[in-house]
Amino acid sequence: MMQNMMQGWNFYNMPFGGGWFTGMGGTFFLVLIAWSLYWKGMALWHAARRGETVWFVALLVINTVGILEILYLYVFSQKQHPVHDK
């Protein structure tokens, strides 16, 4: 009975069963993970060094494939230049 049930399954077309994960889909998935981890690590490190607890927690919890992290690094965490009166 169990053998009859298993005949209908094609394990090579399942997401992590073999064929899909080792092909282009798997490569894209691994590149996406590396991209996201790089930007998340950089943003978390900068937020921790600057003592920005709210940003640190937001960056840790919210997963945006690096978009929020890049915005934080290049837009929101820019140092404010002091205004010099002459």
PDB file of N, CA and C in Angstrom:
ATOM      1  N   MET A   1       0.823  -1.194   0.000  1.00  0.00           N
ATOM      2  CA  MET A   1       0.000   0.000   0.000  1.00  0.00           C
ATOM      3  C   MET A   1       0.872   1.266   0.000  1.00  0.00           C
ATOM      4  N   MET A   2       1.870   1.293   0.844  1.00  0.00           N
ATOM      5  CA  MET A   2       2.738   2.468   0.920  1.00  0.00           C
ATOM      6  C   MET A   2       3.488   2.673  -0.394  1.00  0.00           C
ATOM      7  N   GLN A   3       3.882   1.597  -1.024  1.00  0.00           N
ATOM      8  CA  GLN A   3       4.597   1.702  -2.282  1.00  0.00           C
ATOM      9  C   GLN A   3       3.710   2.324  -3.365  1.00  0.00           C
ATOM     10  N   ASN A   4       2.432   1.982  -3.370  1.00  0.00           N
ATOM     11  CA  ASN A   4       1.504   2.580  -4.332  1.00  0.00           C
ATOM     12  C   ASN A   4       1.351   4.079  -4.098  1.00  0.00           C
ATOM     13  N   MET A   5       1.368   4.505  -2.860  1.00  0.00           N
ATOM     14  CA  MET A   5       1.241   5.929  -2.536  1.00  0.00           C
ATOM     15  C   MET A   5       2.486   6.689  -2.994  1.00  0.00           C
ATOM     16  N   MET A   6       3.656   6.071  -2.881  1.00  0.00           N
ATOM     17  CA  MET A   6       4.902   6.746  -3.197  1.00  0.00           C
ATOM     18  C   MET A   6       5.157   6.837  -4.697  1.00  0.00           C
ATOM     19  N   GLN A   7       4.495   6.030  -5.501  1.00  0.00           N
ATOM     20  CA  GLN A   7       4.738   6.053  -6.937  1.00  0.00           C
ATOM     21  C   GLN A   7       4.322   7.378  -7.565  1.00  0.00           C
ATOM     22  N   GLY A   8       3.354   8.037  -7.009  1.00  0.00           N
ATOM     23  CA  GLY A   8       2.886   9.308  -7.552  1.00  0.00           C
ATOM     24  C   GLY A   8       3.788  10.482  -7.208  1.00  0.00           C
ATOM     25  N   TRP A   9       4.693  10.318  -6.294  1.00  0.00           N
ATOM     26  CA  TRP A   9       5.574  11.399  -5.861  1.00  0.00           C
ATOM     27  C   TRP A   9       6.813  11.457  -6.748  1.00  0.00           C
ATOM     28  N   ASN A  10       7.179  12.639  -7.129  1.00  0.00           N
ATOM     29  CA  ASN A  10       8.403  12.842  -7.884  1.00  0.00           C
ATOM     30  C   ASN A  10       9.308  13.713  -7.033  1.00  0.00           C
ATOM     31  N   PHE A  11      10.230  13.099  -6.337  1.00  0.00           N
ATOM     32  CA  PHE A  11      11.046  13.828  -5.370  1.00  0.00           C
ATOM     33  C   PHE A  11      12.002  14.826  -6.019  1.00  0.00           C
ATOM     34  N   TYR A  12      12.279  14.682  -7.294  1.00  0.00           N
ATOM     35  CA  TYR A  12      13.211  15.605  -7.933  1.00  0.00           C
ATOM     36  C   TYR A  12      12.571  16.939  -8.287  1.00  0.00           C
ATOM     37  N   ASN A  13      11.263  17.038  -8.231  1.00  0.00           N
ATOM     38  CA  ASN A  13      10.590  18.304  -8.504  1.00  0.00           C
ATOM     39  C   ASN A  13      10.123  18.986  -7.234  1.00  0.00           C
ATOM     40  N   MET A  14      10.376  18.401  -6.096  1.00  0.00           N
ATOM     41  CA  MET A  14      10.005  19.034  -4.835  1.00  0.00           C
ATOM     42  C   MET A  14      11.051  20.092  -4.504  1.00  0.00           C
ATOM     43  N   PRO A  15      10.678  21.153  -3.812  1.00  0.00           N
ATOM     44  CA  PRO A  15      11.593  22.275  -3.585  1.00  0.00           C
ATOM     45  C   PRO A  15      12.958  21.896  -3.036  1.00  0.00           C
ATOM     46  N   PHE A  16      13.062  21.020  -2.053  1.00  0.00           N
ATOM     47  CA  PHE A  16      14.359  20.692  -1.481  1.00  0.00           C
ATOM     48  C   PHE A  16      14.674  19.210  -1.644  1.00  0.00           C
ATOM     49  N   GLY A  17      14.049  18.551  -2.588  1.00  0.00           N
ATOM     50  CA  GLY A  17      14.227  17.126  -2.753  1.00  0.00           C
ATOM     51  C   GLY A  17      15.401  16.741  -3.628  1.00  0.00           C
ATOM     52  N   GLY A  18      15.938  17.622  -4.404  1.00  0.00           N
ATOM     53  CA  GLY A  18      17.051  17.246  -5.252  1.00  0.00           C
ATOM     54  C   GLY A  18      17.201  18.180  -6.425  1.00  0.00           C
ATOM     55  N   GLY A  19      16.462  17.958  -7.479  1.00  0.00           N
ATOM     56  CA  GLY A  19      16.628  18.678  -8.731  1.00  0.00           C
ATOM     57  C   GLY A  19      16.464  20.176  -8.632  1.00  0.00           C
ATOM     58  N   TRP A  20      15.431  20.649  -7.953  1.00  0.00           N
ATOM     59  CA  TRP A  20      15.179  22.095  -7.893  1.00  0.00           C
ATOM     60  C   TRP A  20      16.268  22.814  -7.113  1.00  0.00           C
ATOM     61  N   PHE A  21      16.628  22.265  -5.963  1.00  0.00           N
ATOM     62  CA  PHE A  21      17.580  22.966  -5.100  1.00  0.00           C
ATOM     63  C   PHE A  21      18.985  22.951  -5.667  1.00  0.00           C
ATOM     64  N   THR A  22      19.331  21.940  -6.418  1.00  0.00           N
ATOM     65  CA  THR A  22      20.675  21.881  -6.965  1.00  0.00           C
ATOM     66  C   THR A  22      20.790  22.593  -8.306  1.00  0.00           C
ATOM     67  N   GLY A  23      19.690  23.032  -8.871  1.00  0.00           N
ATOM     68  CA  GLY A  23      19.715  23.741 -10.150  1.00  0.00           C
ATOM     69  C   GLY A  23      19.819  25.235  -9.944  1.00  0.00           C
ATOM     70  N   MET A  24      19.298  25.991 -10.908  1.00  0.00           N
ATOM     71  CA  MET A  24      19.368  27.456 -10.857  1.00  0.00           C
ATOM     72  C   MET A  24      18.594  28.028  -9.678  1.00  0.00           C
ATOM     73  N   GLY A  25      17.484  27.395  -9.308  1.00  0.00           N
ATOM     74  CA  GLY A  25      16.714  27.886  -8.172  1.00  0.00           C
ATOM     75  C   GLY A  25      17.513  27.838  -6.888  1.00  0.00           C
ATOM     76  N   GLY A  26      18.243  26.763  -6.690  1.00  0.00           N
ATOM     77  CA  GLY A  26      19.068  26.628  -5.493  1.00  0.00           C
ATOM     78  C   GLY A  26      20.214  27.616  -5.473  1.00  0.00           C
ATOM     79  N   THR A  27      20.829  27.831  -6.628  1.00  0.00           N
ATOM     80  CA  THR A  27      21.923  28.793  -6.723  1.00  0.00           C
ATOM     81  C   THR A  27      21.418  30.193  -6.407  1.00  0.00           C
ATOM     82  N   PHE A  28      20.293  30.558  -6.986  1.00  0.00           N
ATOM     83  CA  PHE A  28      19.705  31.871  -6.706  1.00  0.00           C
ATOM     84  C   PHE A  28      19.389  32.018  -5.225  1.00  0.00           C
ATOM     85  N   PHE A  29      18.840  30.968  -4.627  1.00  0.00           N
ATOM     86  CA  PHE A  29      18.489  30.977  -3.214  1.00  0.00           C
ATOM     87  C   PHE A  29      19.732  31.179  -2.340  1.00  0.00           C
ATOM     88  N   LEU A  30      20.819  30.493  -2.652  1.00  0.00           N
ATOM     89  CA  LEU A  30      22.054  30.638  -1.880  1.00  0.00           C
ATOM     90  C   LEU A  30      22.668  32.022  -2.046  1.00  0.00           C
ATOM     91  N   VAL A  31      22.623  32.580  -3.255  1.00  0.00           N
ATOM     92  CA  VAL A  31      23.128  33.938  -3.487  1.00  0.00           C
ATOM     93  C   VAL A  31      22.283  34.944  -2.718  1.00  0.00           C
ATOM     94  N   LEU A  32      20.972  34.742  -2.710  1.00  0.00           N
ATOM     95  CA  LEU A  32      20.067  35.628  -1.980  1.00  0.00           C
ATOM     96  C   LEU A  32      20.353  35.591  -0.476  1.00  0.00           C
ATOM     97  N   ILE A  33      20.624  34.415   0.049  1.00  0.00           N
ATOM     98  CA  ILE A  33      20.961  34.290   1.471  1.00  0.00           C
ATOM     99  C   ILE A  33      22.269  35.011   1.776  1.00  0.00           C
ATOM    100  N   ALA A  34      23.283  34.822   0.944  1.00  0.00           N
ATOM    101  CA  ALA A  34      24.577  35.483   1.160  1.00  0.00           C
ATOM    102  C   ALA A  34      24.429  36.997   1.091  1.00  0.00           C
ATOM    103  N   TRP A  35      23.681  37.492   0.099  1.00  0.00           N
ATOM    104  CA  TRP A  35      23.429  38.930  -0.058  1.00  0.00           C
ATOM    105  C   TRP A  35      22.767  39.490   1.198  1.00  0.00           C
ATOM    106  N   SER A  36      21.720  38.825   1.650  1.00  0.00           N
ATOM    107  CA  SER A  36      20.957  39.289   2.802  1.00  0.00           C
ATOM    108  C   SER A  36      21.801  39.268   4.074  1.00  0.00           C
ATOM    109  N   LEU A  37      22.569  38.204   4.279  1.00  0.00           N
ATOM    110  CA  LEU A  37      23.414  38.116   5.477  1.00  0.00           C
ATOM    111  C   LEU A  37      24.495  39.185   5.498  1.00  0.00           C
ATOM    112  N   TYR A  38      25.083  39.484   4.348  1.00  0.00           N
ATOM    113  CA  TYR A  38      26.103  40.523   4.285  1.00  0.00           C
ATOM    114  C   TYR A  38      25.540  41.876   4.723  1.00  0.00           C
ATOM    115  N   TRP A  39      24.436  42.279   4.092  1.00  0.00           N
ATOM    116  CA  TRP A  39      23.873  43.594   4.396  1.00  0.00           C
ATOM    117  C   TRP A  39      23.309  43.650   5.815  1.00  0.00           C
ATOM    118  N   LYS A  40      22.680  42.578   6.279  1.00  0.00           N
ATOM    119  CA  LYS A  40      22.146  42.551   7.643  1.00  0.00           C
ATOM    120  C   LYS A  40      23.287  42.663   8.649  1.00  0.00           C
ATOM    121  N   GLY A  41      24.372  41.939   8.413  1.00  0.00           N
ATOM    122  CA  GLY A  41      25.525  42.014   9.317  1.00  0.00           C
ATOM    123  C   GLY A  41      26.131  43.405   9.374  1.00  0.00           C
ATOM    124  N   MET A  42      26.292  44.030   8.209  1.00  0.00           N
ATOM    125  CA  MET A  42      26.857  45.382   8.169  1.00  0.00           C
ATOM    126  C   MET A  42      25.957  46.374   8.903  1.00  0.00           C
ATOM    127  N   ALA A  43      24.658  46.308   8.644  1.00  0.00           N
ATOM    128  CA  ALA A  43      23.724  47.248   9.263  1.00  0.00           C
ATOM    129  C   ALA A  43      23.624  47.029  10.761  1.00  0.00           C
ATOM    130  N   LEU A  44      23.570  45.766  11.193  1.00  0.00           N
ATOM    131  CA  LEU A  44      23.510  45.483  12.634  1.00  0.00           C
ATOM    132  C   LEU A  44      24.778  45.952  13.330  1.00  0.00           C
ATOM    133  N   TRP A  45      25.914  45.752  12.701  1.00  0.00           N
ATOM    134  CA  TRP A  45      27.178  46.182  13.293  1.00  0.00           C
ATOM    135  C   TRP A  45      27.203  47.702  13.464  1.00  0.00           C
ATOM    136  N   HIS A  46      26.792  48.432  12.424  1.00  0.00           N
ATOM    137  CA  HIS A  46      26.775  49.900  12.510  1.00  0.00           C
ATOM    138  C   HIS A  46      25.771  50.385  13.547  1.00  0.00           C
ATOM    139  N   ALA A  47      24.586  49.793  13.583  1.00  0.00           N
ATOM    140  CA  ALA A  47      23.578  50.215  14.562  1.00  0.00           C
ATOM    141  C   ALA A  47      24.057  49.951  15.989  1.00  0.00           C
ATOM    142  N   ALA A  48      24.721  48.827  16.211  1.00  0.00           N
ATOM    143  CA  ALA A  48      25.234  48.512  17.548  1.00  0.00           C
ATOM    144  C   ALA A  48      26.344  49.480  17.944  1.00  0.00           C
ATOM    145  N   ARG A  49      27.239  49.774  17.017  1.00  0.00           N
ATOM    146  CA  ARG A  49      28.339  50.705  17.308  1.00  0.00           C
ATOM    147  C   ARG A  49      27.833  52.109  17.616  1.00  0.00           C
ATOM    148  N   ARG A  50      26.740  52.501  16.966  1.00  0.00           N
ATOM    149  CA  ARG A  50      26.183  53.839  17.182  1.00  0.00           C
ATOM    150  C   ARG A  50      25.222  53.886  18.364  1.00  0.00           C
ATOM    151  N   GLY A  51      24.926  52.731  18.968  1.00  0.00           N
ATOM    152  CA  GLY A  51      24.025  52.683  20.116  1.00  0.00           C
ATOM    153  C   GLY A  51      22.569  52.919  19.756  1.00  0.00           C
ATOM    154  N   GLU A  52      22.187  52.596  18.541  1.00  0.00           N
ATOM    155  CA  GLU A  52      20.809  52.810  18.086  1.00  0.00           C
ATOM    156  C   GLU A  52      20.005  51.522  18.283  1.00  0.00           C
ATOM    157  N   THR A  53      19.475  51.376  19.488  1.00  0.00           N
ATOM    158  CA  THR A  53      18.782  50.144  19.874  1.00  0.00           C
ATOM    159  C   THR A  53      17.544  49.886  19.031  1.00  0.00           C
ATOM    160  N   VAL A  54      16.753  50.911  18.757  1.00  0.00           N
ATOM    161  CA  VAL A  54      15.529  50.732  17.979  1.00  0.00           C
ATOM    162  C   VAL A  54      15.870  50.236  16.573  1.00  0.00           C
ATOM    163  N   TRP A  55      16.857  50.849  15.937  1.00  0.00           N
ATOM    164  CA  TRP A  55      17.272  50.404  14.613  1.00  0.00           C
ATOM    165  C   TRP A  55      17.812  48.984  14.673  1.00  0.00           C
ATOM    166  N   PHE A  56      18.586  48.667  15.695  1.00  0.00           N
ATOM    167  CA  PHE A  56      19.155  47.327  15.816  1.00  0.00           C
ATOM    168  C   PHE A  56      18.055  46.272  15.866  1.00  0.00           C
ATOM    169  N   VAL A  57      17.058  46.491  16.706  1.00  0.00           N
ATOM    170  CA  VAL A  57      15.957  45.522  16.836  1.00  0.00           C
ATOM    171  C   VAL A  57      15.158  45.440  15.537  1.00  0.00           C
ATOM    172  N   ALA A  58      14.884  46.582  14.916  1.00  0.00           N
ATOM    173  CA  ALA A  58      14.129  46.583  13.653  1.00  0.00           C
ATOM    174  C   ALA A  58      14.887  45.829  12.566  1.00  0.00           C
ATOM    175  N   LEU A  59      16.180  46.083  12.457  1.00  0.00           N
ATOM    176  CA  LEU A  59      16.986  45.403  11.449  1.00  0.00           C
ATOM    177  C   LEU A  59      17.100  43.910  11.730  1.00  0.00           C
ATOM    178  N   LEU A  60      17.115  43.547  12.987  1.00  0.00           N
ATOM    179  CA  LEU A  60      17.223  42.136  13.363  1.00  0.00           C
ATOM    180  C   LEU A  60      15.942  41.374  13.055  1.00  0.00           C
ATOM    181  N   VAL A  61      14.792  42.007  13.277  1.00  0.00           N
ATOM    182  CA  VAL A  61      13.504  41.327  13.168  1.00  0.00           C
ATOM    183  C   VAL A  61      12.933  41.374  11.749  1.00  0.00           C
ATOM    184  N   ILE A  62      13.065  42.507  11.082  1.00  0.00           N
ATOM    185  CA  ILE A  62      12.438  42.686   9.771  1.00  0.00           C
ATOM    186  C   ILE A  62      13.372  42.166   8.679  1.00  0.00           C
ATOM    187  N   ASN A  63      12.888  41.247   7.866  1.00  0.00           N
ATOM    188  CA  ASN A  63      13.668  40.693   6.763  1.00  0.00           C
ATOM    189  C   ASN A  63      13.185  41.273   5.448  1.00  0.00           C
ATOM    190  N   THR A  64      14.044  42.057   4.802  1.00  0.00           N
ATOM    191  CA  THR A  64      13.680  42.691   3.539  1.00  0.00           C
ATOM    192  C   THR A  64      14.703  42.404   2.450  1.00  0.00           C
ATOM    193  N   VAL A  65      15.438  41.327   2.558  1.00  0.00           N
ATOM    194  CA  VAL A  65      16.449  40.913   1.588  1.00  0.00           C
ATOM    195  C   VAL A  65      17.471  42.032   1.352  1.00  0.00           C
ATOM    196  N   GLY A  66      17.815  42.737   2.403  1.00  0.00           N
ATOM    197  CA  GLY A  66      18.853  43.750   2.327  1.00  0.00           C
ATOM    198  C   GLY A  66      18.377  45.148   2.019  1.00  0.00           C
ATOM    199  N   ILE A  67      17.134  45.342   1.663  1.00  0.00           N
ATOM    200  CA  ILE A  67      16.663  46.671   1.269  1.00  0.00           C
ATOM    201  C   ILE A  67      16.677  47.633   2.454  1.00  0.00           C
ATOM    202  N   LEU A  68      16.080  47.243   3.580  1.00  0.00           N
ATOM    203  CA  LEU A  68      16.070  48.112   4.756  1.00  0.00           C
ATOM    204  C   LEU A  68      17.487  48.344   5.266  1.00  0.00           C
ATOM    205  N   GLU A  69      18.319  47.334   5.206  1.00  0.00           N
ATOM    206  CA  GLU A  69      19.692  47.450   5.675  1.00  0.00           C
ATOM    207  C   GLU A  69      20.488  48.454   4.832  1.00  0.00           C
ATOM    208  N   ILE A  70      20.316  48.391   3.519  1.00  0.00           N
ATOM    209  CA  ILE A  70      21.006  49.330   2.630  1.00  0.00           C
ATOM    210  C   ILE A  70      20.501  50.748   2.863  1.00  0.00           C
ATOM    211  N   LEU A  71      19.190  50.911   3.016  1.00  0.00           N
ATOM    212  CA  LEU A  71      18.645  52.239   3.312  1.00  0.00           C
ATOM    213  C   LEU A  71      19.195  52.776   4.625  1.00  0.00           C
ATOM    214  N   TYR A  72      19.275  51.916   5.639  1.00  0.00           N
ATOM    215  CA  TYR A  72      19.815  52.358   6.923  1.00  0.00           C
ATOM    216  C   TYR A  72      21.262  52.827   6.764  1.00  0.00           C
ATOM    217  N   LEU A  73      22.069  52.032   6.083  1.00  0.00           N
ATOM    218  CA  LEU A  73      23.493  52.363   5.957  1.00  0.00           C
ATOM    219  C   LEU A  73      23.743  53.629   5.156  1.00  0.00           C
ATOM    220  N   TYR A  74      22.996  53.821   4.071  1.00  0.00           N
ATOM    221  CA  TYR A  74      23.306  54.927   3.171  1.00  0.00           C
ATOM    222  C   TYR A  74      22.389  56.132   3.284  1.00  0.00           C
ATOM    223  N   VAL A  75      21.263  56.001   3.974  1.00  0.00           N
ATOM    224  CA  VAL A  75      20.342  57.132   4.082  1.00  0.00           C
ATOM    225  C   VAL A  75      20.172  57.567   5.528  1.00  0.00           C
ATOM    226  N   PHE A  76      19.741  56.648   6.390  1.00  0.00           N
ATOM    227  CA  PHE A  76      19.354  57.017   7.742  1.00  0.00           C
ATOM    228  C   PHE A  76      20.521  57.163   8.710  1.00  0.00           C
ATOM    229  N   SER A  77      21.649  56.525   8.462  1.00  0.00           N
ATOM    230  CA  SER A  77      22.738  56.594   9.432  1.00  0.00           C
ATOM    231  C   SER A  77      23.841  57.556   9.019  1.00  0.00           C
ATOM    232  N   GLN A  78      23.583  58.392   8.041  1.00  0.00           N
ATOM    233  CA  GLN A  78      24.590  59.363   7.633  1.00  0.00           C
ATOM    234  C   GLN A  78      24.853  60.331   8.786  1.00  0.00           C
ATOM    235  N   LYS A  79      26.113  60.607   9.011  1.00  0.00           N
ATOM    236  CA  LYS A  79      26.477  61.510  10.097  1.00  0.00           C
ATOM    237  C   LYS A  79      26.007  62.919   9.771  1.00  0.00           C
ATOM    238  N   GLN A  80      25.460  63.562  10.763  1.00  0.00           N
ATOM    239  CA  GLN A  80      25.035  64.946  10.607  1.00  0.00           C
ATOM    240  C   GLN A  80      26.256  65.851  10.731  1.00  0.00           C
ATOM    241  N   HIS A  81      26.469  66.666   9.720  1.00  0.00           N
ATOM    242  CA  HIS A  81      27.606  67.579   9.748  1.00  0.00           C
ATOM    243  C   HIS A  81      27.236  68.809  10.570  1.00  0.00           C
ATOM    244  N   PRO A  82      28.111  69.200  11.492  1.00  0.00           N
ATOM    245  CA  PRO A  82      27.790  70.381  12.295  1.00  0.00           C
ATOM    246  C   PRO A  82      27.780  71.643  11.432  1.00  0.00           C
ATOM    247  N   VAL A  83      26.915  72.558  11.783  1.00  0.00           N
ATOM    248  CA  VAL A  83      26.806  73.822  11.070  1.00  0.00           C
ATOM    249  C   VAL A  83      27.781  74.802  11.699  1.00  0.00           C
ATOM    250  N   HIS A  84      28.649  75.360  10.883  1.00  0.00           N
ATOM    251  CA  HIS A  84      29.642  76.323  11.385  1.00  0.00           C
ATOM    252  C   HIS A  84      29.188  77.731  11.034  1.00  0.00           C
ATOM    253  N   ASP A  85      29.088  78.568  12.065  1.00  0.00           N
ATOM    254  CA  ASP A  85      28.745  79.983  11.826  1.00  0.00           C
ATOM    255  C   ASP A  85      30.015  80.745  11.531  1.00  0.00           C
ATOM    256  N   LYS A  86      29.962  81.553  10.491  1.00  0.00           N
ATOM    257  CA  LYS A  86      31.144  82.362  10.155  1.00  0.00           C
ATOM    258  C   LYS A  86      30.828  83.824  10.286  1.00  0.00           C
TER     259      LYS A  86
END
